[in-house]
Amino acid sequence: MYIEFSNLKDLLSFNVKYYRYMRNMSQEILAEKCSLSPRYITDIERGKHCPTIPNIEKIAHALHIEAYVLFQNNNRRTDIIEKMNSARQYNQKKIRIPLIFLDFVKIHIFD
């Protein structure tokens, strides 16, 4: 699957995430392998931060690819793209709401 990118930063952000998914690696594991924070990896993947050259090299090494591959717009595997699209998005963790609170909401708000 070929994807069009408007700029190099978007391509880099996408490729970090794409190759991370190819390696079945979480952001936390990638961050640990690179000696970077998970938040930094998240920000790179979301296009909020542009990594330095040394950090690009660390990320590429952890992903078992050459650094220049992160800047290539290659044909990509459709199954990996689908996996990326179906994954839980950033900060959408399941939360547990105590039943007592739900009873309170039901009694006081919906009556």
Protein backbone atom coordinates (compact mmCIF):
# COMPACT_ATOMS: atom_id res chain seq x y z
CA MET A 1 0.00 0.00 0.00
CA TYR A 2 1.40 3.37 -1.00
CA ILE A 3 0.62 6.42 1.16
CA GLU A 4 1.15 10.06 0.18
CA PHE A 5 2.73 12.39 2.78
CA SER A 6 2.71 16.17 2.70
CA ASN A 7 6.08 16.56 4.41
CA LEU A 8 9.11 14.69 5.70
CA LYS A 9 8.11 15.01 9.36
CA ASP A 10 4.80 13.22 8.68
CA LEU A 11 6.65 10.47 6.82
CA LEU A 12 9.12 10.03 9.70
CA SER A 13 6.31 9.97 12.28
CA PHE A 14 4.38 7.38 10.32
CA ASN A 15 7.41 5.19 9.68
CA VAL A 16 8.43 5.08 13.35
CA LYS A 17 4.97 3.79 14.21
CA TYR A 18 4.81 1.48 11.17
CA TYR A 19 8.11 -0.26 11.89
CA ARG A 20 7.28 -0.45 15.60
CA TYR A 21 4.08 -2.28 14.69
CA MET A 22 6.00 -4.55 12.31
CA ARG A 23 8.19 -5.59 15.25
CA ASN A 24 5.15 -6.01 17.57
CA MET A 25 6.75 -3.52 19.92
CA SER A 26 4.94 -1.21 22.33
CA GLN A 27 5.93 2.42 22.69
CA GLU A 28 7.22 1.64 26.16
CA ILE A 29 9.48 -1.15 24.93
CA LEU A 30 10.78 0.97 22.04
CA ALA A 31 11.46 3.83 24.45
CA GLU A 32 13.32 1.52 26.82
CA LYS A 33 15.47 0.09 24.01
CA CYS A 34 16.35 3.66 22.93
CA SER A 35 16.86 5.04 26.45
CA LEU A 36 14.13 7.59 25.70
CA SER A 37 10.85 8.32 27.44
CA PRO A 38 7.62 6.70 26.24
CA ARG A 39 6.13 10.22 26.00
CA TYR A 40 8.91 11.21 23.57
CA ILE A 41 8.09 8.22 21.33
CA THR A 42 4.39 9.09 21.51
CA ASP A 43 5.10 12.69 20.54
CA ILE A 44 7.24 11.59 17.59
CA GLU A 45 4.53 9.23 16.33
CA ARG A 46 1.89 11.92 16.68
CA GLY A 47 4.04 14.45 14.83
CA LYS A 48 4.32 16.69 17.89
CA HIS A 49 8.09 16.37 18.15
CA CYS A 50 10.85 15.99 15.59
CA PRO A 51 13.69 13.83 16.93
CA THR A 52 17.36 14.72 16.72
CA ILE A 53 19.68 12.77 14.42
CA PRO A 54 21.21 10.77 17.33
CA ASN A 55 17.71 9.84 18.52
CA ILE A 56 16.65 8.84 14.99
CA GLU A 57 19.68 6.54 14.95
CA LYS A 58 18.72 5.05 18.35
CA ILE A 59 15.14 4.46 17.19
CA ALA A 60 16.26 2.87 13.92
CA HIS A 61 18.72 0.62 15.75
CA ALA A 62 15.99 -0.51 18.19
CA LEU A 63 13.69 -1.23 15.23
CA HIS A 64 16.46 -3.23 13.47
CA ILE A 65 16.52 -0.96 10.42
CA GLU A 66 18.93 1.58 8.97
CA ALA A 67 18.12 5.20 9.88
CA TYR A 68 17.55 6.23 6.25
CA VAL A 69 14.65 3.74 6.00
CA LEU A 70 12.63 6.01 8.31
CA PHE A 71 12.75 8.62 5.53
CA GLN A 72 11.72 6.32 2.68
CA ASN A 73 8.21 6.21 1.34
CA ASN A 74 8.04 2.53 0.44
CA ASN A 75 5.14 0.32 -0.41
CA ARG A 76 3.73 -0.93 2.89
CA ARG A 77 2.05 -4.11 4.06
CA THR A 78 -1.72 -3.71 4.23
CA ASP A 79 -2.04 -5.99 7.27
CA ILE A 80 0.27 -3.73 9.30
CA ILE A 81 -1.68 -0.62 8.24
CA GLU A 82 -4.93 -2.31 9.28
CA LYS A 83 -3.38 -3.28 12.61
CA MET A 84 -2.28 0.33 13.16
CA ASN A 85 -5.75 1.64 12.34
CA SER A 86 -7.54 -0.82 14.60
CA ALA A 87 -5.30 -0.30 17.63
CA ARG A 88 -6.42 1.67 20.64
CA GLN A 89 -5.61 5.32 20.14
CA TYR A 90 -3.46 7.38 22.47
CA ASN A 91 -4.81 7.80 25.98
CA GLN A 92 -8.00 5.84 25.40
CA LYS A 93 -7.55 3.41 28.23
CA LYS A 94 -10.46 1.46 29.58
CA ILE A 95 -11.50 2.83 32.93
CA ARG A 96 -13.52 1.20 35.66
CA ILE A 97 -16.26 3.25 37.22
CA PRO A 98 -17.37 2.06 40.65
CA LEU A 99 -20.93 0.74 40.66
CA ILE A 100 -21.88 3.02 43.52
CA PHE A 101 -21.08 6.02 41.32
CA LEU A 102 -23.18 4.64 38.48
CA ASP A 103 -26.09 4.20 40.90
CA PHE A 104 -25.64 7.81 42.01
CA VAL A 105 -25.71 9.03 38.39
CA LYS A 106 -28.79 6.95 37.63
CA ILE A 107 -30.68 8.16 40.70
CA HIS A 108 -29.70 11.83 40.73
CA ILE A 109 -29.18 12.76 37.12
CA PHE A 110 -31.57 10.66 35.07
CA ASP A 111 -34.61 10.88 37.37
